[in-house]
């Protein structure tokens, strides 16, 4: 399978390929390439900073969907020590689009919940492309309640194109499951740290997205609907997705300005898919920082702050 390259990445990929060629020569003890190699590495870094600082909202959506971008399973393998996965909602079944369990992050015991889209075709089908069924939201709530019972902070990674819209999911109470989670999370007596690592679409994200702090990766997106879905409704044409992305104001910078998220987690030059370990390390540091901060806050004060956080998001303007 050929490498997936976004249109605006092509100049950077060409530079990277040349750098890799020079590194191969360097290993063969050809010191003459060192000067050119240093120059090209600096040129690549500057080009990445320039290109990624000026991305449109639609281009950021494309970056959030990049096939090599770290997924929840990658984060688990990177920083979730002693991970024990727990399955099922004790009602209907086990939703493979959601990974949940117990682990340690830098020595802190937590319950960990993450939406998983899958990497290759077989895995994507197994994970249902990260689109959760009602049993997925109920499994998540079961694990959150376990965290509350044993005094463990809840860490949640969001990365979904939306909740599964199939007939079976609706028959089993998709909307009720999402609403129930929001109701229960609002009063959960343990810290909740949310991180949007890629896509955060509609109720699919909101169903596990209510917390004390909401962090978002620099090139993620978070919106009531996907750009394609919005375009299909407003313009009857999914090809108008770039226009819809601009109208939705779904980038991390937009959401921080509107008060919908609390902080942006910076990504390495070129985005998380260019330097996955550096990106995951940034996420790990922010999670640990928030766990340590939130654990010092008394529960009653924590709940009041959590509820006020969401009450203050809406604004009513009389004209």
C-alpha atoms as a PDB file:
ATOM      1  CA  UNK A   1       0.000   0.000   0.000  1.00  0.00           C
ATOM      2  CA  UNK A   2       1.392   3.397  -0.989  1.00  0.00           C
ATOM      3  CA  UNK A   3       1.967   6.061   1.635  1.00  0.00           C
ATOM      4  CA  UNK A   4      -1.002   8.332   2.304  1.00  0.00           C
ATOM      5  CA  UNK A   5      -0.033  11.957   1.670  1.00  0.00           C
ATOM      6  CA  UNK A   6      -2.245  15.021   1.987  1.00  0.00           C
ATOM      7  CA  UNK A   7      -1.979  17.508  -0.869  1.00  0.00           C
ATOM      8  CA  UNK A   8      -0.346  20.235   1.214  1.00  0.00           C
ATOM      9  CA  UNK A   9       2.150  17.726   2.623  1.00  0.00           C
ATOM     10  CA  UNK A  10       3.730  16.756  -0.707  1.00  0.00           C
ATOM     11  CA  UNK A  11       6.636  19.264  -0.561  1.00  0.00           C
ATOM     12  CA  UNK A  12       7.420  18.122   2.987  1.00  0.00           C
ATOM     13  CA  UNK A  13       7.328  14.447   2.024  1.00  0.00           C
ATOM     14  CA  UNK A  14       9.737  15.078  -0.841  1.00  0.00           C
ATOM     15  CA  UNK A  15      12.138  16.772   1.558  1.00  0.00           C
ATOM     16  CA  UNK A  16      11.794  13.974   4.102  1.00  0.00           C
ATOM     17  CA  UNK A  17      12.541  11.340   1.438  1.00  0.00           C
ATOM     18  CA  UNK A  18      15.692  13.188   0.431  1.00  0.00           C
ATOM     19  CA  UNK A  19      16.716  13.443   4.105  1.00  0.00           C
ATOM     20  CA  UNK A  20      16.243   9.680   4.512  1.00  0.00           C
ATOM     21  CA  UNK A  21      18.444   9.082   1.463  1.00  0.00           C
ATOM     22  CA  UNK A  22      21.193  11.249   2.937  1.00  0.00           C
ATOM     23  CA  UNK A  23      20.931   9.517   6.309  1.00  0.00           C
ATOM     24  CA  UNK A  24      21.418   6.189   4.554  1.00  0.00           C
ATOM     25  CA  UNK A  25      24.572   7.565   2.904  1.00  0.00           C
ATOM     26  CA  UNK A  26      25.756   8.954   6.238  1.00  0.00           C
ATOM     27  CA  UNK A  27      25.562   5.473   7.748  1.00  0.00           C
ATOM     28  CA  UNK A  28      27.900   4.340   4.994  1.00  0.00           C
ATOM     29  CA  UNK A  29      30.504   6.763   6.343  1.00  0.00           C
ATOM     30  CA  UNK A  30      30.106   9.478   3.739  1.00  0.00           C
ATOM     31  CA  UNK A  31      30.727  12.667   5.783  1.00  0.00           C
ATOM     32  CA  UNK A  32      30.301  14.879   2.712  1.00  0.00           C
ATOM     33  CA  UNK A  33      26.512  14.665   3.098  1.00  0.00           C
ATOM     34  CA  UNK A  34      26.382  16.062   6.650  1.00  0.00           C
ATOM     35  CA  UNK A  35      26.205  19.711   5.642  1.00  0.00           C
ATOM     36  CA  UNK A  36      23.393  19.127   3.155  1.00  0.00           C
ATOM     37  CA  UNK A  37      21.587  16.890   5.639  1.00  0.00           C
ATOM     38  CA  UNK A  38      21.654  19.540   8.367  1.00  0.00           C
ATOM     39  CA  UNK A  39      20.433  22.173   5.908  1.00  0.00           C
ATOM     40  CA  UNK A  40      17.529  20.018   4.668  1.00  0.00           C
ATOM     41  CA  UNK A  41      16.448  19.055   8.201  1.00  0.00           C
ATOM     42  CA  UNK A  42      16.240  22.723   9.145  1.00  0.00           C
ATOM     43  CA  UNK A  43      14.408  23.504   5.910  1.00  0.00           C
ATOM     44  CA  UNK A  44      11.883  20.735   6.599  1.00  0.00           C
ATOM     45  CA  UNK A  45      11.250  21.950  10.151  1.00  0.00           C
ATOM     46  CA  UNK A  46      10.689  25.532   8.964  1.00  0.00           C
ATOM     47  CA  UNK A  47       8.400  24.378   6.153  1.00  0.00           C
ATOM     48  CA  UNK A  48       6.315  22.286   8.548  1.00  0.00           C
ATOM     49  CA  UNK A  49       5.891  25.204  10.943  1.00  0.00           C
ATOM     50  CA  UNK A  50       4.905  27.521   8.103  1.00  0.00           C
ATOM     51  CA  UNK A  51       2.428  25.148   6.478  1.00  0.00           C
ATOM     52  CA  UNK A  52       0.763  23.891   9.664  1.00  0.00           C
ATOM     53  CA  UNK A  53       0.401  27.335  11.208  1.00  0.00           C
ATOM     54  CA  UNK A  54      -1.683  28.408   8.214  1.00  0.00           C
ATOM     55  CA  UNK A  55      -3.957  25.397   7.705  1.00  0.00           C
ATOM     56  CA  UNK A  56      -7.617  25.995   6.920  1.00  0.00           C
ATOM     57  CA  UNK A  57     -10.273  24.373   9.090  1.00  0.00           C
ATOM     58  CA  UNK A  58     -10.966  21.736   6.436  1.00  0.00           C
ATOM     59  CA  UNK A  59      -7.267  20.905   6.197  1.00  0.00           C
ATOM     60  CA  UNK A  60      -7.179  20.394   9.970  1.00  0.00           C
ATOM     61  CA  UNK A  61     -10.102  17.989   9.632  1.00  0.00           C
ATOM     62  CA  UNK A  62      -8.029  16.052   7.101  1.00  0.00           C
ATOM     63  CA  UNK A  63      -5.056  15.995   9.485  1.00  0.00           C
ATOM     64  CA  UNK A  64      -7.302  14.720  12.311  1.00  0.00           C
ATOM     65  CA  UNK A  65      -8.307  11.822  10.027  1.00  0.00           C
ATOM     66  CA  UNK A  66      -4.808  10.988   8.834  1.00  0.00           C
ATOM     67  CA  UNK A  67      -4.314   7.175   8.731  1.00  0.00           C
ATOM     68  CA  UNK A  68      -1.024   7.388  10.639  1.00  0.00           C
ATOM     69  CA  UNK A  69      -2.328   9.613  13.422  1.00  0.00           C
ATOM     70  CA  UNK A  70      -2.046   7.962  16.879  1.00  0.00           C
ATOM     71  CA  UNK A  71      -5.249   6.232  17.988  1.00  0.00           C
ATOM     72  CA  UNK A  72      -6.455   5.345  21.487  1.00  0.00           C
ATOM     73  CA  UNK A  73      -4.786   1.945  21.338  1.00  0.00           C
ATOM     74  CA  UNK A  74      -1.470   3.633  20.527  1.00  0.00           C
ATOM     75  CA  UNK A  75      -1.827   5.891  23.577  1.00  0.00           C
ATOM     76  CA  UNK A  76      -2.619   2.875  25.753  1.00  0.00           C
ATOM     77  CA  UNK A  77       0.517   1.091  24.581  1.00  0.00           C
ATOM     78  CA  UNK A  78       2.599   4.241  25.052  1.00  0.00           C
ATOM     79  CA  UNK A  79       1.673   5.434  28.538  1.00  0.00           C
ATOM     80  CA  UNK A  80      -0.988   3.189  30.127  1.00  0.00           C
ATOM     81  CA  UNK A  81       1.032   0.884  32.390  1.00  0.00           C
ATOM     82  CA  UNK A  82      -0.453  -2.399  33.660  1.00  0.00           C
ATOM     83  CA  UNK A  83      -3.568  -1.902  31.510  1.00  0.00           C
ATOM     84  CA  UNK A  84      -6.387  -4.328  32.292  1.00  0.00           C
ATOM     85  CA  UNK A  85      -9.188  -4.136  29.737  1.00  0.00           C
ATOM     86  CA  UNK A  86     -12.753  -4.590  30.962  1.00  0.00           C
ATOM     87  CA  UNK A  87     -15.557  -5.679  28.654  1.00  0.00           C
ATOM     88  CA  UNK A  88     -19.308  -5.435  28.323  1.00  0.00           C
ATOM     89  CA  UNK A  89     -22.156  -3.297  29.622  1.00  0.00           C
ATOM     90  CA  UNK A  90     -23.735  -6.159  31.664  1.00  0.00           C
ATOM     91  CA  UNK A  91     -26.883  -5.645  29.663  1.00  0.00           C
ATOM     92  CA  UNK A  92     -26.481  -6.412  25.948  1.00  0.00           C
ATOM     93  CA  UNK A  93     -22.885  -6.884  24.811  1.00  0.00           C
ATOM     94  CA  UNK A  94     -19.382  -5.518  24.381  1.00  0.00           C
ATOM     95  CA  UNK A  95     -18.864  -2.564  22.036  1.00  0.00           C
ATOM     96  CA  UNK A  96     -15.506  -2.914  20.273  1.00  0.00           C
ATOM     97  CA  UNK A  97     -15.504   0.790  19.337  1.00  0.00           C
ATOM     98  CA  UNK A  98     -14.733   1.593  22.975  1.00  0.00           C
ATOM     99  CA  UNK A  99     -11.717   0.402  24.943  1.00  0.00           C
ATOM    100  CA  UNK A 100     -12.017   0.693  28.724  1.00  0.00           C
ATOM    101  CA  UNK A 101     -10.165  -0.561  31.740  1.00  0.00           C
ATOM    102  CA  UNK A 102      -7.810   0.066  34.645  1.00  0.00           C
ATOM    103  CA  UNK A 103      -4.222   1.269  34.366  1.00  0.00           C
ATOM    104  CA  UNK A 104      -1.518   3.539  35.745  1.00  0.00           C
ATOM    105  CA  UNK A 105      -0.279   6.702  34.056  1.00  0.00           C
ATOM    106  CA  UNK A 106       3.079   7.788  35.483  1.00  0.00           C
ATOM    107  CA  UNK A 107       2.215   5.918  38.661  1.00  0.00           C
ATOM    108  CA  UNK A 108      -1.286   7.427  38.996  1.00  0.00           C
ATOM    109  CA  UNK A 109      -4.061   4.822  39.141  1.00  0.00           C
ATOM    110  CA  UNK A 110      -6.939   5.712  36.803  1.00  0.00           C
ATOM    111  CA  UNK A 111      -9.812   4.230  34.869  1.00  0.00           C
ATOM    112  CA  UNK A 112      -9.127   4.691  31.174  1.00  0.00           C
ATOM    113  CA  UNK A 113     -11.712   5.014  28.391  1.00  0.00           C
ATOM    114  CA  UNK A 114     -10.923   5.568  24.719  1.00  0.00           C
ATOM    115  CA  UNK A 115     -12.756   5.458  21.412  1.00  0.00           C
ATOM    116  CA  UNK A 116     -10.878   3.332  18.882  1.00  0.00           C
ATOM    117  CA  UNK A 117     -11.376   3.683  15.102  1.00  0.00           C
ATOM    118  CA  UNK A 118      -8.994   0.929  14.000  1.00  0.00           C
ATOM    119  CA  UNK A 119      -5.904   1.087  11.802  1.00  0.00           C
ATOM    120  CA  UNK A 120      -6.341  -1.238   8.809  1.00  0.00           C
ATOM    121  CA  UNK A 121      -9.525  -2.324   7.010  1.00  0.00           C
ATOM    122  CA  UNK A 122     -10.068  -5.441   9.123  1.00  0.00           C
ATOM    123  CA  UNK A 123      -9.533  -3.524  12.349  1.00  0.00           C
ATOM    124  CA  UNK A 124     -11.779  -0.645  11.244  1.00  0.00           C
ATOM    125  CA  UNK A 125     -14.617  -3.067  10.620  1.00  0.00           C
ATOM    126  CA  UNK A 126     -13.990  -4.758  13.975  1.00  0.00           C
ATOM    127  CA  UNK A 127     -14.034  -1.374  15.737  1.00  0.00           C
ATOM    128  CA  UNK A 128     -16.964  -0.096  13.646  1.00  0.00           C
ATOM    129  CA  UNK A 129     -14.798   2.889  12.643  1.00  0.00           C
ATOM    130  CA  UNK A 130     -15.016   4.237  16.185  1.00  0.00           C
ATOM    131  CA  UNK A 131     -18.798   4.653  16.023  1.00  0.00           C
ATOM    132  CA  UNK A 132     -20.233   3.488  19.335  1.00  0.00           C
ATOM    133  CA  UNK A 133     -23.481   1.620  19.951  1.00  0.00           C
ATOM    134  CA  UNK A 134     -25.631   2.155  23.072  1.00  0.00           C
ATOM    135  CA  UNK A 135     -23.822  -0.691  24.820  1.00  0.00           C
ATOM    136  CA  UNK A 136     -20.565   1.237  24.318  1.00  0.00           C
ATOM    137  CA  UNK A 137     -21.880   4.250  26.211  1.00  0.00           C
ATOM    138  CA  UNK A 138     -23.272   1.985  28.908  1.00  0.00           C
ATOM    139  CA  UNK A 139     -19.951   0.171  29.200  1.00  0.00           C
ATOM    140  CA  UNK A 140     -18.220   3.544  29.543  1.00  0.00           C
ATOM    141  CA  UNK A 141     -20.642   4.566  32.298  1.00  0.00           C
ATOM    142  CA  UNK A 142     -20.078   1.274  34.127  1.00  0.00           C
ATOM    143  CA  UNK A 143     -16.334   1.890  34.132  1.00  0.00           C
ATOM    144  CA  UNK A 144     -16.792   5.508  35.253  1.00  0.00           C
ATOM    145  CA  UNK A 145     -18.939   4.335  38.171  1.00  0.00           C
ATOM    146  CA  UNK A 146     -16.176   1.911  39.088  1.00  0.00           C
ATOM    147  CA  UNK A 147     -13.759   4.834  39.143  1.00  0.00           C
ATOM    148  CA  UNK A 148     -16.106   6.738  41.429  1.00  0.00           C
ATOM    149  CA  UNK A 149     -16.481   3.733  43.749  1.00  0.00           C
ATOM    150  CA  UNK A 150     -12.735   3.214  44.174  1.00  0.00           C
ATOM    151  CA  UNK A 151     -11.704   6.874  44.085  1.00  0.00           C
ATOM    152  CA  UNK A 152      -9.939   6.687  40.712  1.00  0.00           C
ATOM    153  CA  UNK A 153      -9.809   9.623  38.266  1.00  0.00           C
ATOM    154  CA  UNK A 154     -11.428   9.022  34.871  1.00  0.00           C
ATOM    155  CA  UNK A 155      -9.326   9.658  31.750  1.00  0.00           C
ATOM    156  CA  UNK A 156     -11.204   9.694  28.431  1.00  0.00           C
ATOM    157  CA  UNK A 157      -9.826   9.924  24.888  1.00  0.00           C
ATOM    158  CA  UNK A 158     -12.310  11.074  22.247  1.00  0.00           C
ATOM    159  CA  UNK A 159     -11.852  10.143  18.598  1.00  0.00           C
ATOM    160  CA  UNK A 160     -15.039   9.358  16.664  1.00  0.00           C
ATOM    161  CA  UNK A 161     -16.872  10.344  13.469  1.00  0.00           C
ATOM    162  CA  UNK A 162     -20.101  10.079  15.479  1.00  0.00           C
ATOM    163  CA  UNK A 163     -22.361   7.634  17.295  1.00  0.00           C
ATOM    164  CA  UNK A 164     -23.511   4.683  15.179  1.00  0.00           C
ATOM    165  CA  UNK A 165     -26.784   5.734  13.429  1.00  0.00           C
ATOM    166  CA  UNK A 166     -28.083   2.245  12.563  1.00  0.00           C
ATOM    167  CA  UNK A 167     -31.591   0.979  13.255  1.00  0.00           C
ATOM    168  CA  UNK A 168     -30.384  -1.534  15.832  1.00  0.00           C
ATOM    169  CA  UNK A 169     -28.594   1.159  17.796  1.00  0.00           C
ATOM    170  CA  UNK A 170     -31.727   3.316  17.840  1.00  0.00           C
ATOM    171  CA  UNK A 171     -33.843   0.346  18.923  1.00  0.00           C
ATOM    172  CA  UNK A 172     -31.504  -0.270  21.852  1.00  0.00           C
ATOM    173  CA  UNK A 173     -31.728   3.349  22.992  1.00  0.00           C
ATOM    174  CA  UNK A 174     -28.832   5.267  21.453  1.00  0.00           C
ATOM    175  CA  UNK A 175     -30.136   8.725  22.356  1.00  0.00           C
ATOM    176  CA  UNK A 176     -31.081   7.670  25.898  1.00  0.00           C
ATOM    177  CA  UNK A 177     -27.646   6.134  26.476  1.00  0.00           C
ATOM    178  CA  UNK A 178     -25.886   9.346  25.416  1.00  0.00           C
ATOM    179  CA  UNK A 179     -28.192  11.523  27.518  1.00  0.00           C
ATOM    180  CA  UNK A 180     -27.867   9.196  30.525  1.00  0.00           C
ATOM    181  CA  UNK A 181     -24.082   9.394  30.373  1.00  0.00           C
ATOM    182  CA  UNK A 182     -24.148  13.180  30.364  1.00  0.00           C
ATOM    183  CA  UNK A 183     -26.527  13.212  33.327  1.00  0.00           C
ATOM    184  CA  UNK A 184     -24.391  10.777  35.326  1.00  0.00           C
ATOM    185  CA  UNK A 185     -21.063  12.381  34.396  1.00  0.00           C
ATOM    186  CA  UNK A 186     -22.325  15.756  35.614  1.00  0.00           C
ATOM    187  CA  UNK A 187     -22.534  14.364  39.166  1.00  0.00           C
ATOM    188  CA  UNK A 188     -19.750  11.761  39.146  1.00  0.00           C
ATOM    189  CA  UNK A 189     -17.743  12.211  42.348  1.00  0.00           C
ATOM    190  CA  UNK A 190     -14.290  11.731  40.902  1.00  0.00           C
ATOM    191  CA  UNK A 191     -12.154  13.878  38.563  1.00  0.00           C
ATOM    192  CA  UNK A 192     -12.827  13.528  34.813  1.00  0.00           C
ATOM    193  CA  UNK A 193     -10.154  14.471  32.272  1.00  0.00           C
ATOM    194  CA  UNK A 194     -11.235  14.594  28.612  1.00  0.00           C
ATOM    195  CA  UNK A 195      -8.804  14.707  25.674  1.00  0.00           C
ATOM    196  CA  UNK A 196      -9.968  15.094  22.070  1.00  0.00           C
ATOM    197  CA  UNK A 197      -7.146  13.360  20.195  1.00  0.00           C
ATOM    198  CA  UNK A 198      -8.654  13.481  16.695  1.00  0.00           C
ATOM    199  CA  UNK A 199     -12.295  13.725  15.668  1.00  0.00           C
ATOM    200  CA  UNK A 200     -15.029  14.775  18.067  1.00  0.00           C
ATOM    201  CA  UNK A 201     -18.318  14.503  16.216  1.00  0.00           C
ATOM    202  CA  UNK A 202     -21.778  15.163  17.581  1.00  0.00           C
ATOM    203  CA  UNK A 203     -23.355  13.049  20.316  1.00  0.00           C
ATOM    204  CA  UNK A 204     -20.786  10.377  19.581  1.00  0.00           C
ATOM    205  CA  UNK A 205     -18.276  12.563  21.381  1.00  0.00           C
ATOM    206  CA  UNK A 206     -20.630  14.218  23.869  1.00  0.00           C
ATOM    207  CA  UNK A 207     -21.768  10.856  25.225  1.00  0.00           C
ATOM    208  CA  UNK A 208     -18.408  10.498  26.992  1.00  0.00           C
ATOM    209  CA  UNK A 209     -17.304  14.129  26.749  1.00  0.00           C
ATOM    210  CA  UNK A 210     -18.507  15.884  29.888  1.00  0.00           C
ATOM    211  CA  UNK A 211     -15.674  16.491  32.323  1.00  0.00           C
ATOM    212  CA  UNK A 212     -13.841  18.810  34.682  1.00  0.00           C
ATOM    213  CA  UNK A 213     -11.316  19.713  32.014  1.00  0.00           C
ATOM    214  CA  UNK A 214     -11.518  19.285  28.231  1.00  0.00           C
ATOM    215  CA  UNK A 215      -8.193  19.268  26.413  1.00  0.00           C
ATOM    216  CA  UNK A 216      -7.848  19.136  22.652  1.00  0.00           C
ATOM    217  CA  UNK A 217      -5.029  18.252  20.308  1.00  0.00           C
ATOM    218  CA  UNK A 218      -3.976  21.153  18.109  1.00  0.00           C
ATOM    219  CA  UNK A 219      -5.161  19.505  14.872  1.00  0.00           C
ATOM    220  CA  UNK A 220      -8.302  17.871  16.221  1.00  0.00           C
ATOM    221  CA  UNK A 221     -11.860  18.975  15.467  1.00  0.00           C
ATOM    222  CA  UNK A 222     -15.017  19.042  17.609  1.00  0.00           C
ATOM    223  CA  UNK A 223     -18.476  19.885  16.327  1.00  0.00           C
ATOM    224  CA  UNK A 224     -22.178  19.130  16.477  1.00  0.00           C
ATOM    225  CA  UNK A 225     -21.918  17.522  13.027  1.00  0.00           C
ATOM    226  CA  UNK A 226     -19.240  16.512  10.540  1.00  0.00           C
ATOM    227  CA  UNK A 227     -18.437  18.957   7.703  1.00  0.00           C
ATOM    228  CA  UNK A 228     -19.786  16.448   5.169  1.00  0.00           C
ATOM    229  CA  UNK A 229     -23.028  16.013   7.084  1.00  0.00           C
ATOM    230  CA  UNK A 230     -23.470  19.753   7.434  1.00  0.00           C
ATOM    231  CA  UNK A 231     -22.792  20.282   3.715  1.00  0.00           C
ATOM    232  CA  UNK A 232     -25.313  17.595   2.760  1.00  0.00           C
ATOM    233  CA  UNK A 233     -28.012  19.342   4.810  1.00  0.00           C
ATOM    234  CA  UNK A 234     -27.288  22.976   3.919  1.00  0.00           C
ATOM    235  CA  UNK A 235     -26.120  22.699   0.308  1.00  0.00           C
ATOM    236  CA  UNK A 236     -27.342  19.220  -0.666  1.00  0.00           C
ATOM    237  CA  UNK A 237     -23.761  18.470  -1.660  1.00  0.00           C
ATOM    238  CA  UNK A 238     -21.104  16.775   0.478  1.00  0.00           C
ATOM    239  CA  UNK A 239     -18.443  18.324  -1.770  1.00  0.00           C
ATOM    240  CA  UNK A 240     -19.147  21.605   0.048  1.00  0.00           C
ATOM    241  CA  UNK A 241     -17.524  20.171   3.189  1.00  0.00           C
ATOM    242  CA  UNK A 242     -14.652  22.732   3.160  1.00  0.00           C
ATOM    243  CA  UNK A 243     -17.217  25.564   3.236  1.00  0.00           C
ATOM    244  CA  UNK A 244     -19.109  23.818   6.024  1.00  0.00           C
ATOM    245  CA  UNK A 245     -15.923  23.376   8.061  1.00  0.00           C
ATOM    246  CA  UNK A 246     -15.333  27.120   7.935  1.00  0.00           C
ATOM    247  CA  UNK A 247     -18.912  27.845   9.011  1.00  0.00           C
ATOM    248  CA  UNK A 248     -18.847  25.330  11.871  1.00  0.00           C
ATOM    249  CA  UNK A 249     -15.793  26.896  13.560  1.00  0.00           C
ATOM    250  CA  UNK A 250     -14.634  23.440  14.616  1.00  0.00           C
ATOM    251  CA  UNK A 251     -10.878  23.902  15.066  1.00  0.00           C
ATOM    252  CA  UNK A 252      -9.119  23.862  18.432  1.00  0.00           C
ATOM    253  CA  UNK A 253      -8.389  27.605  18.194  1.00  0.00           C
ATOM    254  CA  UNK A 254     -12.083  28.347  17.514  1.00  0.00           C
ATOM    255  CA  UNK A 255     -13.272  26.197  20.402  1.00  0.00           C
ATOM    256  CA  UNK A 256     -10.790  27.668  22.864  1.00  0.00           C
ATOM    257  CA  UNK A 257     -11.916  31.162  21.895  1.00  0.00           C
ATOM    258  CA  UNK A 258     -15.578  30.189  22.434  1.00  0.00           C
ATOM    259  CA  UNK A 259     -14.831  28.541  25.776  1.00  0.00           C
ATOM    260  CA  UNK A 260     -15.849  25.050  24.633  1.00  0.00           C
ATOM    261  CA  UNK A 261     -12.477  23.562  25.572  1.00  0.00           C
ATOM    262  CA  UNK A 262     -10.020  24.487  28.308  1.00  0.00           C
ATOM    263  CA  UNK A 263      -6.642  24.124  26.662  1.00  0.00           C
ATOM    264  CA  UNK A 264      -4.945  23.141  23.405  1.00  0.00           C
ATOM    265  CA  UNK A 265      -2.259  20.452  23.465  1.00  0.00           C
ATOM    266  CA  UNK A 266       0.401  21.428  20.903  1.00  0.00           C
ATOM    267  CA  UNK A 267       1.472  18.919  18.282  1.00  0.00           C
ATOM    268  CA  UNK A 268       5.020  18.465  16.946  1.00  0.00           C
ATOM    269  CA  UNK A 269       5.957  20.159  13.634  1.00  0.00           C
ATOM    270  CA  UNK A 270       4.001  18.451  10.865  1.00  0.00           C
ATOM    271  CA  UNK A 271       1.293  17.126  13.184  1.00  0.00           C
ATOM    272  CA  UNK A 272       0.957  14.042  15.376  1.00  0.00           C
ATOM    273  CA  UNK A 273       1.295  11.623  12.446  1.00  0.00           C
ATOM    274  CA  UNK A 274       4.823  12.890  11.684  1.00  0.00           C
ATOM    275  CA  UNK A 275       6.068  12.467  15.256  1.00  0.00           C
ATOM    276  CA  UNK A 276       3.638  10.117  17.098  1.00  0.00           C
ATOM    277  CA  UNK A 277       5.740   9.561  20.217  1.00  0.00           C
ATOM    278  CA  UNK A 278       6.334  13.274  20.756  1.00  0.00           C
ATOM    279  CA  UNK A 279       2.613  13.939  20.368  1.00  0.00           C
ATOM    280  CA  UNK A 280       1.657  11.175  22.800  1.00  0.00           C
ATOM    281  CA  UNK A 281       4.214  12.413  25.305  1.00  0.00           C
ATOM    282  CA  UNK A 282       2.593  15.879  25.189  1.00  0.00           C
ATOM    283  CA  UNK A 283      -0.793  14.305  25.911  1.00  0.00           C
ATOM    284  CA  UNK A 284       0.606  12.220  28.751  1.00  0.00           C
ATOM    285  CA  UNK A 285       2.144  15.264  30.454  1.00  0.00           C
ATOM    286  CA  UNK A 286      -1.117  17.221  30.265  1.00  0.00           C
ATOM    287  CA  UNK A 287      -3.165  14.323  31.633  1.00  0.00           C
ATOM    288  CA  UNK A 288      -0.818  13.835  34.582  1.00  0.00           C
ATOM    289  CA  UNK A 289      -0.827  17.580  35.299  1.00  0.00           C
ATOM    290  CA  UNK A 290      -4.633  17.681  35.364  1.00  0.00           C
ATOM    291  CA  UNK A 291      -4.989  14.538  37.489  1.00  0.00           C
ATOM    292  CA  UNK A 292      -2.671  16.009  40.114  1.00  0.00           C
ATOM    293  CA  UNK A 293      -4.503  19.353  40.050  1.00  0.00           C
ATOM    294  CA  UNK A 294      -8.049  17.982  40.192  1.00  0.00           C
ATOM    295  CA  UNK A 295      -7.361  15.474  42.981  1.00  0.00           C
ATOM    296  CA  UNK A 296      -6.647  18.372  45.340  1.00  0.00           C
ATOM    297  CA  UNK A 297     -10.144  19.843  44.880  1.00  0.00           C
ATOM    298  CA  UNK A 298     -12.904  18.711  47.328  1.00  0.00           C
ATOM    299  CA  UNK A 299     -15.683  16.759  45.572  1.00  0.00           C
ATOM    300  CA  UNK A 300     -18.481  19.243  46.303  1.00  0.00           C
ATOM    301  CA  UNK A 301     -16.389  22.081  44.912  1.00  0.00           C
ATOM    302  CA  UNK A 302     -15.379  19.939  41.937  1.00  0.00           C
ATOM    303  CA  UNK A 303     -19.004  19.155  41.033  1.00  0.00           C
ATOM    304  CA  UNK A 304     -20.093  22.772  41.378  1.00  0.00           C
ATOM    305  CA  UNK A 305     -17.232  23.894  39.148  1.00  0.00           C
ATOM    306  CA  UNK A 306     -18.047  21.179  36.591  1.00  0.00           C
ATOM    307  CA  UNK A 307     -21.705  22.164  36.340  1.00  0.00           C
ATOM    308  CA  UNK A 308     -20.933  25.892  36.183  1.00  0.00           C
ATOM    309  CA  UNK A 309     -18.407  25.208  33.432  1.00  0.00           C
ATOM    310  CA  UNK A 310     -21.170  23.926  31.150  1.00  0.00           C
ATOM    311  CA  UNK A 311     -23.782  26.434  32.279  1.00  0.00           C
ATOM    312  CA  UNK A 312     -21.474  29.259  31.243  1.00  0.00           C
ATOM    313  CA  UNK A 313     -20.866  27.943  27.739  1.00  0.00           C
ATOM    314  CA  UNK A 314     -24.086  29.281  26.213  1.00  0.00           C
ATOM    315  CA  UNK A 315     -24.613  32.986  25.582  1.00  0.00           C
ATOM    316  CA  UNK A 316     -27.890  34.769  24.964  1.00  0.00           C
ATOM    317  CA  UNK A 317     -27.696  38.065  23.113  1.00  0.00           C
ATOM    318  CA  UNK A 318     -30.671  40.443  22.818  1.00  0.00           C
ATOM    319  CA  UNK A 319     -30.558  42.644  19.741  1.00  0.00           C
END
